[in-house]
PDB file of N, CA and C in Angstrom:
ATOM      1  N   UNK A   1      -1.428 -17.835 -22.523  1.00  0.00           N
ATOM      2  CA  UNK A   1      -0.858 -17.937 -23.786  1.00  0.00           C
ATOM      3  C   UNK A   1       0.200 -18.982 -24.045  1.00  0.00           C
ATOM      4  N   UNK A   2       1.022 -19.094 -22.935  1.00  0.00           N
ATOM      5  CA  UNK A   2       1.990 -20.163 -23.149  1.00  0.00           C
ATOM      6  C   UNK A   2       1.463 -21.359 -22.990  1.00  0.00           C
ATOM      7  N   UNK A   3       0.238 -21.778 -22.448  1.00  0.00           N
ATOM      8  CA  UNK A   3      -0.582 -22.728 -22.488  1.00  0.00           C
ATOM      9  C   UNK A   3      -1.112 -23.280 -23.779  1.00  0.00           C
ATOM     10  N   UNK A   4      -1.745 -22.165 -24.752  1.00  0.00           N
ATOM     11  CA  UNK A   4      -2.203 -22.079 -25.839  1.00  0.00           C
ATOM     12  C   UNK A   4      -0.962 -22.859 -26.843  1.00  0.00           C
ATOM     13  N   UNK A   5       0.219 -22.070 -26.839  1.00  0.00           N
ATOM     14  CA  UNK A   5       1.457 -22.501 -27.571  1.00  0.00           C
ATOM     15  C   UNK A   5       1.716 -23.655 -27.188  1.00  0.00           C
ATOM     16  N   UNK A   6       1.875 -24.167 -25.983  1.00  0.00           N
ATOM     17  CA  UNK A   6       2.181 -25.374 -25.694  1.00  0.00           C
ATOM     18  C   UNK A   6       1.132 -26.508 -26.613  1.00  0.00           C
ATOM     19  N   UNK A   7      -0.018 -26.352 -26.557  1.00  0.00           N
ATOM     20  CA  UNK A   7      -1.123 -27.263 -27.148  1.00  0.00           C
ATOM     21  C   UNK A   7      -0.963 -27.306 -28.666  1.00  0.00           C
ATOM     22  N   UNK A   8      -0.392 -26.090 -29.327  1.00  0.00           N
ATOM     23  CA  UNK A   8      -0.089 -26.295 -30.851  1.00  0.00           C
ATOM     24  C   UNK A   8       0.994 -26.589 -31.188  1.00  0.00           C
ATOM     25  N   UNK A   9       2.243 -26.679 -30.189  1.00  0.00           N
ATOM     26  CA  UNK A   9       3.499 -27.316 -30.417  1.00  0.00           C
ATOM     27  C   UNK A   9       3.088 -28.907 -29.940  1.00  0.00           C
ATOM     28  N   UNK A  10       2.192 -29.320 -29.087  1.00  0.00           N
ATOM     29  CA  UNK A  10       1.913 -31.024 -28.877  1.00  0.00           C
ATOM     30  C   UNK A  10       1.451 -31.513 -30.006  1.00  0.00           C
ATOM     31  N   UNK A  11       0.330 -30.566 -30.846  1.00  0.00           N
ATOM     32  CA  UNK A  11      -0.404 -31.226 -31.773  1.00  0.00           C
ATOM     33  C   UNK A  11       0.354 -31.090 -33.025  1.00  0.00           C
ATOM     34  N   UNK A  12       1.154 -30.150 -33.296  1.00  0.00           N
ATOM     35  CA  UNK A  12       1.798 -30.026 -34.716  1.00  0.00           C
ATOM     36  C   UNK A  12       3.263 -30.443 -34.844  1.00  0.00           C
ATOM     37  N   UNK A  13       4.176 -30.263 -33.776  1.00  0.00           N
ATOM     38  CA  UNK A  13       5.507 -30.226 -33.536  1.00  0.00           C
ATOM     39  C   UNK A  13       6.184 -31.353 -33.146  1.00  0.00           C
ATOM     40  N   UNK A  14       5.659 -31.543 -31.766  1.00  0.00           N
ATOM     41  CA  UNK A  14       6.508 -32.388 -30.952  1.00  0.00           C
ATOM     42  C   UNK A  14       5.735 -33.934 -31.032  1.00  0.00           C
ATOM     43  N   UNK A  15       7.130 -34.633 -30.735  1.00  0.00           N
ATOM     44  CA  UNK A  15       6.512 -36.286 -30.716  1.00  0.00           C
ATOM     45  C   UNK A  15       5.805 -36.346 -29.461  1.00  0.00           C
ATOM     46  N   UNK A  16       5.424 -37.229 -29.642  1.00  0.00           N
ATOM     47  CA  UNK A  16       3.813 -38.172 -28.932  1.00  0.00           C
ATOM     48  C   UNK A  16       4.248 -37.979 -27.156  1.00  0.00           C
ATOM     49  N   UNK A  17       5.136 -38.483 -26.494  1.00  0.00           N
ATOM     50  CA  UNK A  17       5.553 -37.960 -25.065  1.00  0.00           C
ATOM     51  C   UNK A  17       6.105 -36.429 -24.599  1.00  0.00           C
ATOM     52  N   UNK A  18       6.755 -35.742 -25.567  1.00  0.00           N
ATOM     53  CA  UNK A  18       6.932 -34.544 -25.283  1.00  0.00           C
ATOM     54  C   UNK A  18       5.874 -33.624 -25.489  1.00  0.00           C
ATOM     55  N   UNK A  19       4.904 -34.093 -26.025  1.00  0.00           N
ATOM     56  CA  UNK A  19       3.682 -33.133 -26.243  1.00  0.00           C
ATOM     57  C   UNK A  19       3.010 -33.217 -25.190  1.00  0.00           C
ATOM     58  N   UNK A  20       2.973 -33.777 -24.343  1.00  0.00           N
ATOM     59  CA  UNK A  20       1.883 -34.111 -23.295  1.00  0.00           C
ATOM     60  C   UNK A  20       2.855 -33.409 -22.261  1.00  0.00           C
ATOM     61  N   UNK A  21       3.912 -33.651 -22.050  1.00  0.00           N
ATOM     62  CA  UNK A  21       5.274 -33.114 -21.332  1.00  0.00           C
ATOM     63  C   UNK A  21       4.761 -31.480 -21.341  1.00  0.00           C
ATOM     64  N   UNK A  22       5.211 -30.912 -22.718  1.00  0.00           N
ATOM     65  CA  UNK A  22       4.918 -29.554 -22.904  1.00  0.00           C
ATOM     66  C   UNK A  22       3.944 -29.089 -22.336  1.00  0.00           C
ATOM     67  N   UNK A  23       2.449 -29.394 -22.677  1.00  0.00           N
ATOM     68  CA  UNK A  23       1.481 -29.098 -21.933  1.00  0.00           C
ATOM     69  C   UNK A  23       1.142 -28.863 -20.625  1.00  0.00           C
ATOM     70  N   UNK A  24       1.908 -30.008 -19.507  1.00  0.00           N
ATOM     71  CA  UNK A  24       1.563 -30.162 -18.735  1.00  0.00           C
ATOM     72  C   UNK A  24       2.831 -29.063 -17.900  1.00  0.00           C
ATOM     73  N   UNK A  25       3.720 -28.641 -18.521  1.00  0.00           N
ATOM     74  CA  UNK A  25       4.580 -27.774 -17.624  1.00  0.00           C
ATOM     75  C   UNK A  25       3.859 -26.489 -18.188  1.00  0.00           C
ATOM     76  N   UNK A  26       3.374 -26.339 -19.315  1.00  0.00           N
ATOM     77  CA  UNK A  26       2.661 -24.868 -19.656  1.00  0.00           C
ATOM     78  C   UNK A  26       1.674 -24.477 -18.588  1.00  0.00           C
ATOM     79  N   UNK A  27       0.863 -25.722 -18.325  1.00  0.00           N
ATOM     80  CA  UNK A  27      -0.157 -25.311 -17.620  1.00  0.00           C
ATOM     81  C   UNK A  27       0.139 -25.153 -16.146  1.00  0.00           C
ATOM     82  N   UNK A  28       1.358 -26.060 -15.671  1.00  0.00           N
ATOM     83  CA  UNK A  28       1.681 -25.427 -14.178  1.00  0.00           C
ATOM     84  C   UNK A  28       2.251 -24.372 -14.168  1.00  0.00           C
ATOM     85  N   UNK A  29       2.743 -23.556 -15.206  1.00  0.00           N
ATOM     86  CA  UNK A  29       3.513 -22.469 -15.266  1.00  0.00           C
ATOM     87  C   UNK A  29       2.286 -21.205 -15.241  1.00  0.00           C
ATOM     88  N   UNK A  30       1.351 -21.491 -16.123  1.00  0.00           N
ATOM     89  CA  UNK A  30      -0.048 -20.702 -15.954  1.00  0.00           C
ATOM     90  C   UNK A  30      -0.794 -20.429 -14.914  1.00  0.00           C
ATOM     91  N   UNK A  31      -0.926 -21.636 -14.327  1.00  0.00           N
ATOM     92  CA  UNK A  31      -1.664 -21.659 -12.800  1.00  0.00           C
ATOM     93  C   UNK A  31      -0.874 -21.228 -12.005  1.00  0.00           C
ATOM     94  N   UNK A  32       0.472 -21.094 -11.734  1.00  0.00           N
ATOM     95  CA  UNK A  32       1.371 -20.657 -10.659  1.00  0.00           C
ATOM     96  C   UNK A  32       1.363 -19.182 -11.056  1.00  0.00           C
ATOM     97  N   UNK A  33       1.403 -19.011 -11.867  1.00  0.00           N
ATOM     98  CA  UNK A  33       1.483 -17.467 -12.625  1.00  0.00           C
ATOM     99  C   UNK A  33       0.410 -16.670 -12.090  1.00  0.00           C
ATOM    100  N   UNK A  34      -1.133 -17.286 -12.349  1.00  0.00           N
ATOM    101  CA  UNK A  34      -2.022 -16.575 -11.777  1.00  0.00           C
ATOM    102  C   UNK A  34      -2.522 -16.463 -10.138  1.00  0.00           C
ATOM    103  N   UNK A  35      -2.023 -17.816  -9.722  1.00  0.00           N
ATOM    104  CA  UNK A  35      -1.784 -17.435  -8.233  1.00  0.00           C
ATOM    105  C   UNK A  35      -1.021 -16.641  -7.377  1.00  0.00           C
ATOM    106  N   UNK A  36       0.077 -16.298  -8.079  1.00  0.00           N
ATOM    107  CA  UNK A  36       0.818 -15.568  -7.733  1.00  0.00           C
ATOM    108  C   UNK A  36       0.447 -14.112  -8.299  1.00  0.00           C
ATOM    109  N   UNK A  37      -0.392 -13.821  -9.272  1.00  0.00           N
ATOM    110  CA  UNK A  37      -0.750 -12.591  -9.605  1.00  0.00           C
ATOM    111  C   UNK A  37      -1.680 -12.177  -8.452  1.00  0.00           C
ATOM    112  N   UNK A  38      -2.749 -13.173  -8.244  1.00  0.00           N
ATOM    113  CA  UNK A  38      -3.941 -13.150  -7.221  1.00  0.00           C
ATOM    114  C   UNK A  38      -3.250 -12.451  -5.737  1.00  0.00           C
ATOM    115  N   UNK A  39      -2.211 -13.244  -5.049  1.00  0.00           N
ATOM    116  CA  UNK A  39      -1.735 -13.079  -4.116  1.00  0.00           C
ATOM    117  C   UNK A  39      -0.950 -11.617  -3.944  1.00  0.00           C
ATOM    118  N   UNK A  40      -0.429 -11.303  -5.098  1.00  0.00           N
ATOM    119  CA  UNK A  40       0.243 -10.232  -5.052  1.00  0.00           C
ATOM    120  C   UNK A  40      -0.649  -8.779  -4.986  1.00  0.00           C
ATOM    121  N   UNK A  41      -1.563  -8.744  -5.880  1.00  0.00           N
ATOM    122  CA  UNK A  41      -2.898  -8.002  -5.962  1.00  0.00           C
ATOM    123  C   UNK A  41      -3.670  -7.705  -4.436  1.00  0.00           C
ATOM    124  N   UNK A  42      -3.743  -8.884  -3.788  1.00  0.00           N
ATOM    125  CA  UNK A  42      -4.157  -8.684  -2.210  1.00  0.00           C
ATOM    126  C   UNK A  42      -3.900  -8.346  -1.150  1.00  0.00           C
ATOM    127  N   UNK A  43      -2.258  -8.136  -1.433  1.00  0.00           N
ATOM    128  CA  UNK A  43      -1.434  -7.992  -0.204  1.00  0.00           C
ATOM    129  C   UNK A  43      -1.669  -6.733   0.722  1.00  0.00           C
ATOM    130  N   UNK A  44      -2.164  -5.655  -0.087  1.00  0.00           N
ATOM    131  CA  UNK A  44      -2.295  -4.691   1.044  1.00  0.00           C
ATOM    132  C   UNK A  44      -3.083  -3.800   0.152  1.00  0.00           C
ATOM    133  N   UNK A  45      -4.271  -3.224   0.655  1.00  0.00           N
ATOM    134  CA  UNK A  45      -5.155  -2.234   0.130  1.00  0.00           C
ATOM    135  C   UNK A  45      -4.735  -0.840  -0.059  1.00  0.00           C
ATOM    136  N   UNK A  46      -5.017  -0.249  -0.914  1.00  0.00           N
ATOM    137  CA  UNK A  46      -4.615   1.366  -0.660  1.00  0.00           C
ATOM    138  C   UNK A  46      -5.353   1.954   0.327  1.00  0.00           C
ATOM    139  N   UNK A  47      -4.550   2.883   1.121  1.00  0.00           N
ATOM    140  CA  UNK A  47      -4.927   3.938   2.302  1.00  0.00           C
ATOM    141  C   UNK A  47      -5.069   5.434   1.579  1.00  0.00           C
ATOM    142  N   UNK A  48      -6.204   5.754   1.840  1.00  0.00           N
ATOM    143  CA  UNK A  48      -6.648   7.126   1.311  1.00  0.00           C
ATOM    144  C   UNK A  48      -7.537   7.891   2.448  1.00  0.00           C
ATOM    145  N   UNK A  49      -7.711   8.677   2.487  1.00  0.00           N
ATOM    146  CA  UNK A  49      -8.661   9.722   3.268  1.00  0.00           C
ATOM    147  C   UNK A  49      -7.402  10.125   4.536  1.00  0.00           C
ATOM    148  N   UNK A  50      -8.046  10.800   5.412  1.00  0.00           N
ATOM    149  CA  UNK A  50      -7.620  11.406   6.621  1.00  0.00           C
ATOM    150  C   UNK A  50      -7.019  10.377   7.340  1.00  0.00           C
ATOM    151  N   UNK A  51      -7.612   9.300   7.154  1.00  0.00           N
ATOM    152  CA  UNK A  51      -7.181   8.240   8.650  1.00  0.00           C
ATOM    153  C   UNK A  51      -5.708   7.566   8.220  1.00  0.00           C
ATOM    154  N   UNK A  52      -5.610   7.859   7.052  1.00  0.00           N
ATOM    155  CA  UNK A  52      -3.980   7.336   6.536  1.00  0.00           C
ATOM    156  C   UNK A  52      -2.818   8.007   7.314  1.00  0.00           C
ATOM    157  N   UNK A  53      -3.542   9.230   7.824  1.00  0.00           N
ATOM    158  CA  UNK A  53      -2.053  10.324   8.455  1.00  0.00           C
ATOM    159  C   UNK A  53      -2.076   9.682   9.755  1.00  0.00           C
ATOM    160  N   UNK A  54      -2.969   8.776  10.742  1.00  0.00           N
ATOM    161  CA  UNK A  54      -2.659   8.505  12.077  1.00  0.00           C
ATOM    162  C   UNK A  54      -1.227   7.841  11.872  1.00  0.00           C
ATOM    163  N   UNK A  55      -0.578   8.157  12.769  1.00  0.00           N
ATOM    164  CA  UNK A  55       0.903   7.448  12.945  1.00  0.00           C
ATOM    165  C   UNK A  55       1.757   7.802  12.136  1.00  0.00           C
ATOM    166  N   UNK A  56       1.835   9.108  11.375  1.00  0.00           N
ATOM    167  CA  UNK A  56       2.834   9.934  10.833  1.00  0.00           C
ATOM    168  C   UNK A  56       3.193  10.879  11.621  1.00  0.00           C
ATOM    169  N   UNK A  57       4.341  11.058  11.515  1.00  0.00           N
ATOM    170  CA  UNK A  57       5.106  12.272  12.174  1.00  0.00           C
ATOM    171  C   UNK A  57       4.973  13.703  11.007  1.00  0.00           C
ATOM    172  N   UNK A  58       4.654  14.702  11.995  1.00  0.00           N
ATOM    173  CA  UNK A  58       4.430  16.027  11.193  1.00  0.00           C
ATOM    174  C   UNK A  58       5.218  17.082  12.330  1.00  0.00           C
ATOM    175  N   UNK A  59       5.458  18.216  11.820  1.00  0.00           N
ATOM    176  CA  UNK A  59       6.034  19.275  12.542  1.00  0.00           C
ATOM    177  C   UNK A  59       5.445  20.290  12.668  1.00  0.00           C
ATOM    178  N   UNK A  60       5.691  21.024  14.046  1.00  0.00           N
ATOM    179  CA  UNK A  60       4.464  21.997  14.451  1.00  0.00           C
ATOM    180  C   UNK A  60       4.908  23.130  13.675  1.00  0.00           C
ATOM    181  N   UNK A  61       3.830  24.356  13.156  1.00  0.00           N
ATOM    182  CA  UNK A  61       4.230  25.039  12.455  1.00  0.00           C
ATOM    183  C   UNK A  61       3.951  26.524  12.925  1.00  0.00           C
ATOM    184  N   UNK A  62       2.417  26.434  13.665  1.00  0.00           N
ATOM    185  CA  UNK A  62       1.960  27.602  14.625  1.00  0.00           C
ATOM    186  C   UNK A  62       1.839  26.650  15.976  1.00  0.00           C
ATOM    187  N   UNK A  63       2.357  27.613  16.848  1.00  0.00           N
ATOM    188  CA  UNK A  63       2.140  26.613  18.504  1.00  0.00           C
ATOM    189  C   UNK A  63       1.025  26.173  18.894  1.00  0.00           C
ATOM    190  N   UNK A  64       0.849  24.774  19.336  1.00  0.00           N
ATOM    191  CA  UNK A  64      -0.323  24.331  19.821  1.00  0.00           C
ATOM    192  C   UNK A  64      -0.881  24.699  21.208  1.00  0.00           C
ATOM    193  N   UNK A  65      -1.846  25.374  21.150  1.00  0.00           N
ATOM    194  CA  UNK A  65      -1.772  25.939  22.674  1.00  0.00           C
ATOM    195  C   UNK A  65      -3.283  26.347  22.729  1.00  0.00           C
ATOM    196  N   UNK A  66      -4.238  25.124  22.642  1.00  0.00           N
ATOM    197  CA  UNK A  66      -4.354  23.873  22.412  1.00  0.00           C
ATOM    198  C   UNK A  66      -4.298  23.558  20.861  1.00  0.00           C
ATOM    199  N   UNK A  67      -4.749  24.685  20.110  1.00  0.00           N
ATOM    200  CA  UNK A  67      -4.637  24.428  18.513  1.00  0.00           C
ATOM    201  C   UNK A  67      -3.590  25.345  18.017  1.00  0.00           C
ATOM    202  N   UNK A  68      -3.356  24.803  16.553  1.00  0.00           N
ATOM    203  CA  UNK A  68      -2.576  25.476  15.644  1.00  0.00           C
ATOM    204  C   UNK A  68      -2.376  24.930  14.619  1.00  0.00           C
ATOM    205  N   UNK A  69      -1.277  24.427  13.875  1.00  0.00           N
ATOM    206  CA  UNK A  69      -1.041  23.947  12.891  1.00  0.00           C
ATOM    207  C   UNK A  69      -0.105  23.303  12.727  1.00  0.00           C
ATOM    208  N   UNK A  70       0.242  21.860  12.043  1.00  0.00           N
ATOM    209  CA  UNK A  70       1.076  21.117  11.624  1.00  0.00           C
ATOM    210  C   UNK A  70       1.300  21.074  10.311  1.00  0.00           C
ATOM    211  N   UNK A  71       2.750  20.486   9.851  1.00  0.00           N
ATOM    212  CA  UNK A  71       3.028  20.090   8.640  1.00  0.00           C
ATOM    213  C   UNK A  71       3.042  18.453   8.661  1.00  0.00           C
ATOM    214  N   UNK A  72       2.248  17.714   7.785  1.00  0.00           N
ATOM    215  CA  UNK A  72       2.483  16.120   7.727  1.00  0.00           C
ATOM    216  C   UNK A  72       2.016  15.814   6.232  1.00  0.00           C
ATOM    217  N   UNK A  73       3.116  15.050   6.062  1.00  0.00           N
ATOM    218  CA  UNK A  73       3.428  14.544   4.406  1.00  0.00           C
ATOM    219  C   UNK A  73       3.198  15.974   3.494  1.00  0.00           C
ATOM    220  N   UNK A  74       3.799  17.054   3.958  1.00  0.00           N
ATOM    221  CA  UNK A  74       3.858  18.080   3.022  1.00  0.00           C
ATOM    222  C   UNK A  74       2.822  19.086   3.052  1.00  0.00           C
ATOM    223  N   UNK A  75       1.742  18.925   3.908  1.00  0.00           N
ATOM    224  CA  UNK A  75       0.377  19.533   3.844  1.00  0.00           C
ATOM    225  C   UNK A  75       0.020  19.999   5.175  1.00  0.00           C
ATOM    226  N   UNK A  76      -0.506  21.118   5.302  1.00  0.00           N
ATOM    227  CA  UNK A  76      -0.745  22.160   6.554  1.00  0.00           C
ATOM    228  C   UNK A  76      -1.921  21.441   7.068  1.00  0.00           C
ATOM    229  N   UNK A  77      -1.974  20.883   8.303  1.00  0.00           N
ATOM    230  CA  UNK A  77      -3.267  20.518   8.644  1.00  0.00           C
ATOM    231  C   UNK A  77      -3.620  21.377  10.064  1.00  0.00           C
ATOM    232  N   UNK A  78      -4.944  21.227  10.582  1.00  0.00           N
ATOM    233  CA  UNK A  78      -4.909  22.232  11.794  1.00  0.00           C
ATOM    234  C   UNK A  78      -5.259  20.821  12.833  1.00  0.00           C
ATOM    235  N   UNK A  79      -4.703  21.106  14.068  1.00  0.00           N
ATOM    236  CA  UNK A  79      -3.947  20.206  15.108  1.00  0.00           C
ATOM    237  C   UNK A  79      -3.991  21.128  16.517  1.00  0.00           C
ATOM    238  N   UNK A  80      -4.556  19.508  17.345  1.00  0.00           N
ATOM    239  CA  UNK A  80      -4.794  19.838  18.433  1.00  0.00           C
ATOM    240  C   UNK A  80      -4.000  19.159  19.550  1.00  0.00           C
ATOM    241  N   UNK A  81      -3.335  19.767  20.754  1.00  0.00           N
ATOM    242  CA  UNK A  81      -2.459  19.106  21.695  1.00  0.00           C
ATOM    243  C   UNK A  81      -2.985  19.818  23.121  1.00  0.00           C
ATOM    244  N   UNK A  82      -3.397  19.239  23.863  1.00  0.00           N
ATOM    245  CA  UNK A  82      -4.182  19.977  25.308  1.00  0.00           C
ATOM    246  C   UNK A  82      -2.542  20.184  25.898  1.00  0.00           C
ATOM    247  N   UNK A  83      -1.668  19.505  26.057  1.00  0.00           N
ATOM    248  CA  UNK A  83      -0.406  20.136  26.577  1.00  0.00           C
ATOM    249  C   UNK A  83       0.489  21.468  26.332  1.00  0.00           C
ATOM    250  N   UNK A  84       0.294  21.326  24.644  1.00  0.00           N
ATOM    251  CA  UNK A  84       0.802  22.625  24.145  1.00  0.00           C
ATOM    252  C   UNK A  84       1.974  22.200  23.756  1.00  0.00           C
ATOM    253  N   UNK A  85       2.764  22.714  22.408  1.00  0.00           N
ATOM    254  CA  UNK A  85       4.098  22.623  21.680  1.00  0.00           C
ATOM    255  C   UNK A  85       4.522  23.713  21.152  1.00  0.00           C
ATOM    256  N   UNK A  86       5.667  23.989  20.960  1.00  0.00           N
ATOM    257  CA  UNK A  86       6.315  24.894  20.640  1.00  0.00           C
ATOM    258  C   UNK A  86       6.630  24.713  18.937  1.00  0.00           C
ATOM    259  N   UNK A  87       6.576  26.114  18.463  1.00  0.00           N
ATOM    260  CA  UNK A  87       7.102  25.548  16.746  1.00  0.00           C
ATOM    261  C   UNK A  87       8.415  25.032  16.549  1.00  0.00           C
ATOM    262  N   UNK A  88       8.033  24.151  15.455  1.00  0.00           N
ATOM    263  CA  UNK A  88       9.102  23.397  15.043  1.00  0.00           C
ATOM    264  C   UNK A  88       9.490  21.974  15.948  1.00  0.00           C
ATOM    265  N   UNK A  89       8.422  21.737  16.923  1.00  0.00           N
ATOM    266  CA  UNK A  89       8.398  20.282  17.632  1.00  0.00           C
ATOM    267  C   UNK A  89       8.077  19.365  16.592  1.00  0.00           C
ATOM    268  N   UNK A  90       8.579  18.340  16.646  1.00  0.00           N
ATOM    269  CA  UNK A  90       7.982  16.944  16.092  1.00  0.00           C
ATOM    270  C   UNK A  90       6.934  16.416  17.137  1.00  0.00           C
ATOM    271  N   UNK A  91       5.980  16.181  16.060  1.00  0.00           N
ATOM    272  CA  UNK A  91       4.848  15.423  16.730  1.00  0.00           C
ATOM    273  C   UNK A  91       4.391  14.035  15.674  1.00  0.00           C
ATOM    274  N   UNK A  92       3.496  13.308  16.671  1.00  0.00           N
ATOM    275  CA  UNK A  92       2.628  12.231  15.933  1.00  0.00           C
ATOM    276  C   UNK A  92       1.359  12.282  15.930  1.00  0.00           C
ATOM    277  N   UNK A  93       0.592  12.206  14.677  1.00  0.00           N
ATOM    278  CA  UNK A  93      -0.592  12.052  14.751  1.00  0.00           C
ATOM    279  C   UNK A  93      -1.345  10.833  15.342  1.00  0.00           C
ATOM    280  N   UNK A  94      -2.200  11.081  16.413  1.00  0.00           N
ATOM    281  CA  UNK A  94      -2.865   9.811  17.383  1.00  0.00           C
ATOM    282  C   UNK A  94      -4.243   9.466  16.723  1.00  0.00           C
ATOM    283  N   UNK A  95      -5.323  10.647  16.314  1.00  0.00           N
ATOM    284  CA  UNK A  95      -6.242  10.346  15.655  1.00  0.00           C
ATOM    285  C   UNK A  95      -6.756  11.525  15.207  1.00  0.00           C
ATOM    286  N   UNK A  96      -7.899  11.509  14.280  1.00  0.00           N
ATOM    287  CA  UNK A  96      -8.692  12.458  13.502  1.00  0.00           C
ATOM    288  C   UNK A  96     -10.050  12.615  13.838  1.00  0.00           C
ATOM    289  N   UNK A  97     -10.319  14.125  14.201  1.00  0.00           N
ATOM    290  CA  UNK A  97     -11.410  14.648  14.665  1.00  0.00           C
ATOM    291  C   UNK A  97     -12.172  15.455  13.435  1.00  0.00           C
ATOM    292  N   UNK A  98     -12.933  14.803  12.744  1.00  0.00           N
ATOM    293  CA  UNK A  98     -13.154  16.106  11.250  1.00  0.00           C
ATOM    294  C   UNK A  98     -12.441  16.254  10.586  1.00  0.00           C
ATOM    295  N   UNK A  99     -11.810  17.251  10.473  1.00  0.00           N
ATOM    296  CA  UNK A  99     -10.265  17.722  10.005  1.00  0.00           C
ATOM    297  C   UNK A  99      -9.198  18.306  10.598  1.00  0.00           C
ATOM    298  N   UNK A 100      -9.402  18.241  12.005  1.00  0.00           N
ATOM    299  CA  UNK A 100      -8.032  18.329  12.771  1.00  0.00           C
ATOM    300  C   UNK A 100      -7.470  17.299  13.453  1.00  0.00           C
ATOM    301  N   UNK A 101      -6.634  17.413  13.294  1.00  0.00           N
ATOM    302  CA  UNK A 101      -5.390  16.006  13.746  1.00  0.00           C
ATOM    303  C   UNK A 101      -5.207  16.355  15.336  1.00  0.00           C
ATOM    304  N   UNK A 102      -5.536  15.018  16.078  1.00  0.00           N
ATOM    305  CA  UNK A 102      -4.992  15.357  17.519  1.00  0.00           C
ATOM    306  C   UNK A 102      -3.837  14.621  17.418  1.00  0.00           C
ATOM    307  N   UNK A 103      -2.787  15.220  17.897  1.00  0.00           N
ATOM    308  CA  UNK A 103      -1.194  14.925  17.930  1.00  0.00           C
ATOM    309  C   UNK A 103      -0.848  14.771  19.339  1.00  0.00           C
ATOM    310  N   UNK A 104       0.503  14.194  19.492  1.00  0.00           N
ATOM    311  CA  UNK A 104       0.998  14.100  20.831  1.00  0.00           C
ATOM    312  C   UNK A 104       2.616  14.355  20.545  1.00  0.00           C
ATOM    313  N   UNK A 105       3.367  14.801  21.328  1.00  0.00           N
ATOM    314  CA  UNK A 105       5.113  15.042  21.194  1.00  0.00           C
ATOM    315  C   UNK A 105       5.762  13.667  20.479  1.00  0.00           C
ATOM    316  N   UNK A 106       6.426  13.658  19.466  1.00  0.00           N
ATOM    317  CA  UNK A 106       7.333  12.555  19.100  1.00  0.00           C
ATOM    318  C   UNK A 106       8.362  11.911  20.347  1.00  0.00           C
TER     319      UNK A 106
END
């Protein structure tokens, strides 16, 4: 849009050398803006699904002997830890097996 305005100004309003300057500046701004937008949109993809839980911290709700429940990101999940954990212990999700989280103490 800025480029179109600069072209119209160059044709109808601005004197000879300044019309070209306005078009060049507008074109530079438009190209830079487009490149920044593309970079910003490709920075990081959305993380969805149970795989996004890997690495997050949780709290044991029912004892893990070896299976129980943990609360991760406000949701209850079935979890497994072979060594066992008491209620209230902090854990970190290390893997996902189906809908069962493999955890270890934090």
